Amino acid sequence: MSAEHLPYFGAPPPRTPRPAQDEPTLRGKRVVLSRPDGFVYDVRAISELETDTSGRQVVRVVTEEAYFRWMFTGQAAASEAYPARLVWVE
């Protein structure tokens, strides 16, 4: 079937970011980091919510590139523990 014969379904609905703290599972999901200078996209969570030594909830994150390199080659990615209250799930 060619694309000309497919019906038009319209634009996909917009996605509303969800707080990471409300998400049942995080590992592997695309997330957005809230920073003072703006939002950072193209990031993946590589952990669930964790509690750091200060008692804060954090999520370990890496760039999309590092995430897929890790998935395909097993090469460990340097991750960053980011405050969970500043992480949003796409």
C-alpha atoms as a PDB file:
ATOM      1  CA  MET A   1       0.000   0.000   0.000  1.00  0.00           C
ATOM      2  CA  SER A   2       1.439   3.384  -0.930  1.00  0.00           C
ATOM      3  CA  ALA A   3       1.389   6.404   1.372  1.00  0.00           C
ATOM      4  CA  GLU A   4      -1.067   8.182  -0.958  1.00  0.00           C
ATOM      5  CA  HIS A   5      -3.742   5.616  -0.110  1.00  0.00           C
ATOM      6  CA  LEU A   6      -3.460   5.960   3.659  1.00  0.00           C
ATOM      7  CA  PRO A   7      -6.059   8.137   5.400  1.00  0.00           C
ATOM      8  CA  TYR A   8      -4.960  11.276   7.230  1.00  0.00           C
ATOM      9  CA  PHE A   9      -5.056  10.667  10.989  1.00  0.00           C
ATOM     10  CA  GLY A  10      -4.114  14.175  12.087  1.00  0.00           C
ATOM     11  CA  ALA A  11      -1.238  15.378  14.231  1.00  0.00           C
ATOM     12  CA  PRO A  12      -0.185  13.325  17.258  1.00  0.00           C
ATOM     13  CA  PRO A  13      -1.313  14.726  20.594  1.00  0.00           C
ATOM     14  CA  PRO A  14       1.188  16.884  22.474  1.00  0.00           C
ATOM     15  CA  ARG A  15       3.029  15.190  25.311  1.00  0.00           C
ATOM     16  CA  THR A  16       2.910  16.784  28.707  1.00  0.00           C
ATOM     17  CA  PRO A  17       6.055  16.203  30.785  1.00  0.00           C
ATOM     18  CA  ARG A  18       5.452  14.329  34.043  1.00  0.00           C
ATOM     19  CA  PRO A  19       7.428  14.711  37.291  1.00  0.00           C
ATOM     20  CA  ALA A  20       9.940  11.872  37.669  1.00  0.00           C
ATOM     21  CA  GLN A  21       8.886  11.435  41.286  1.00  0.00           C
ATOM     22  CA  ASP A  22       5.382  10.421  40.111  1.00  0.00           C
ATOM     23  CA  GLU A  23       6.612   7.874  37.557  1.00  0.00           C
ATOM     24  CA  PRO A  24       6.440   4.176  38.523  1.00  0.00           C
ATOM     25  CA  THR A  25       9.580   3.282  36.495  1.00  0.00           C
ATOM     26  CA  LEU A  26      12.286   5.542  35.101  1.00  0.00           C
ATOM     27  CA  ARG A  27      15.153   3.435  33.778  1.00  0.00           C
ATOM     28  CA  GLY A  28      15.560   3.905  30.025  1.00  0.00           C
ATOM     29  CA  LYS A  29      13.004   6.695  29.703  1.00  0.00           C
ATOM     30  CA  ARG A  30      13.710  10.002  27.990  1.00  0.00           C
ATOM     31  CA  VAL A  31      13.819  12.789  30.533  1.00  0.00           C
ATOM     32  CA  VAL A  32      14.183  16.568  30.575  1.00  0.00           C
ATOM     33  CA  LEU A  33      16.417  18.261  33.142  1.00  0.00           C
ATOM     34  CA  SER A  34      15.382  21.586  34.603  1.00  0.00           C
ATOM     35  CA  ARG A  35      18.385  23.892  35.011  1.00  0.00           C
ATOM     36  CA  PRO A  36      18.711  27.589  35.866  1.00  0.00           C
ATOM     37  CA  ASP A  37      19.734  28.381  32.281  1.00  0.00           C
ATOM     38  CA  GLY A  38      16.899  26.373  30.695  1.00  0.00           C
ATOM     39  CA  PHE A  39      15.839  22.815  29.992  1.00  0.00           C
ATOM     40  CA  VAL A  40      18.156  20.059  28.807  1.00  0.00           C
ATOM     41  CA  TYR A  41      16.722  17.505  26.391  1.00  0.00           C
ATOM     42  CA  ASP A  42      18.162  14.310  24.832  1.00  0.00           C
ATOM     43  CA  VAL A  43      18.825  12.720  28.216  1.00  0.00           C
ATOM     44  CA  ARG A  44      17.937   9.226  29.499  1.00  0.00           C
ATOM     45  CA  ALA A  45      17.398   7.976  33.032  1.00  0.00           C
ATOM     46  CA  ILE A  46      19.558   4.949  33.834  1.00  0.00           C
ATOM     47  CA  SER A  47      18.234   4.373  37.345  1.00  0.00           C
ATOM     48  CA  GLU A  48      15.068   4.463  39.348  1.00  0.00           C
ATOM     49  CA  LEU A  49      14.695   7.008  42.142  1.00  0.00           C
ATOM     50  CA  GLU A  50      17.592   6.681  44.589  1.00  0.00           C
ATOM     51  CA  THR A  51      18.406   8.383  47.854  1.00  0.00           C
ATOM     52  CA  ASP A  52      21.854   9.960  48.024  1.00  0.00           C
ATOM     53  CA  THR A  53      24.029  10.316  51.124  1.00  0.00           C
ATOM     54  CA  SER A  54      22.324  13.640  51.950  1.00  0.00           C
ATOM     55  CA  GLY A  55      18.892  12.014  51.952  1.00  0.00           C
ATOM     56  CA  ARG A  56      17.800  13.655  48.672  1.00  0.00           C
ATOM     57  CA  GLN A  57      16.010  11.709  45.962  1.00  0.00           C
ATOM     58  CA  VAL A  58      18.075  11.602  42.765  1.00  0.00           C
ATOM     59  CA  VAL A  59      17.939   9.991  39.346  1.00  0.00           C
ATOM     60  CA  ARG A  60      21.095   8.908  37.528  1.00  0.00           C
ATOM     61  CA  VAL A  61      21.088  10.301  33.974  1.00  0.00           C
ATOM     62  CA  VAL A  62      23.252  10.165  30.827  1.00  0.00           C
ATOM     63  CA  THR A  63      23.091  11.690  27.371  1.00  0.00           C
ATOM     64  CA  GLU A  64      21.091   9.823  24.739  1.00  0.00           C
ATOM     65  CA  GLU A  65      24.326   9.091  22.873  1.00  0.00           C
ATOM     66  CA  ALA A  66      25.963   7.562  25.957  1.00  0.00           C
ATOM     67  CA  TYR A  67      22.813   5.574  26.737  1.00  0.00           C
ATOM     68  CA  PHE A  68      22.674   3.915  23.324  1.00  0.00           C
ATOM     69  CA  ARG A  69      26.432   3.313  23.271  1.00  0.00           C
ATOM     70  CA  TRP A  70      25.978   1.498  26.607  1.00  0.00           C
ATOM     71  CA  MET A  71      23.014  -0.503  25.287  1.00  0.00           C
ATOM     72  CA  PHE A  72      24.728  -1.573  22.053  1.00  0.00           C
ATOM     73  CA  THR A  73      28.331  -2.037  23.153  1.00  0.00           C
ATOM     74  CA  GLY A  74      28.186  -2.474  26.920  1.00  0.00           C
ATOM     75  CA  GLN A  75      30.600   0.439  27.309  1.00  0.00           C
ATOM     76  CA  ALA A  76      29.743   1.975  30.688  1.00  0.00           C
ATOM     77  CA  ALA A  77      28.505   5.553  30.581  1.00  0.00           C
ATOM     78  CA  ALA A  78      29.553   8.224  33.067  1.00  0.00           C
ATOM     79  CA  SER A  79      26.308   9.180  34.762  1.00  0.00           C
ATOM     80  CA  GLU A  80      25.242  12.162  36.818  1.00  0.00           C
ATOM     81  CA  ALA A  81      23.010  11.976  39.898  1.00  0.00           C
ATOM     82  CA  TYR A  82      20.432  14.712  39.316  1.00  0.00           C
ATOM     83  CA  PRO A  83      17.845  15.918  41.880  1.00  0.00           C
ATOM     84  CA  ALA A  84      14.611  14.041  41.156  1.00  0.00           C
ATOM     85  CA  ARG A  85      12.491  17.151  41.718  1.00  0.00           C
ATOM     86  CA  LEU A  86      14.182  18.704  38.659  1.00  0.00           C
ATOM     87  CA  VAL A  87      13.685  15.717  36.335  1.00  0.00           C
ATOM     88  CA  TRP A  88      10.680  15.439  34.038  1.00  0.00           C
ATOM     89  CA  VAL A  89       9.679  12.408  31.974  1.00  0.00           C
ATOM     90  CA  GLU A  90       8.827  13.053  28.322  1.00  0.00           C
END
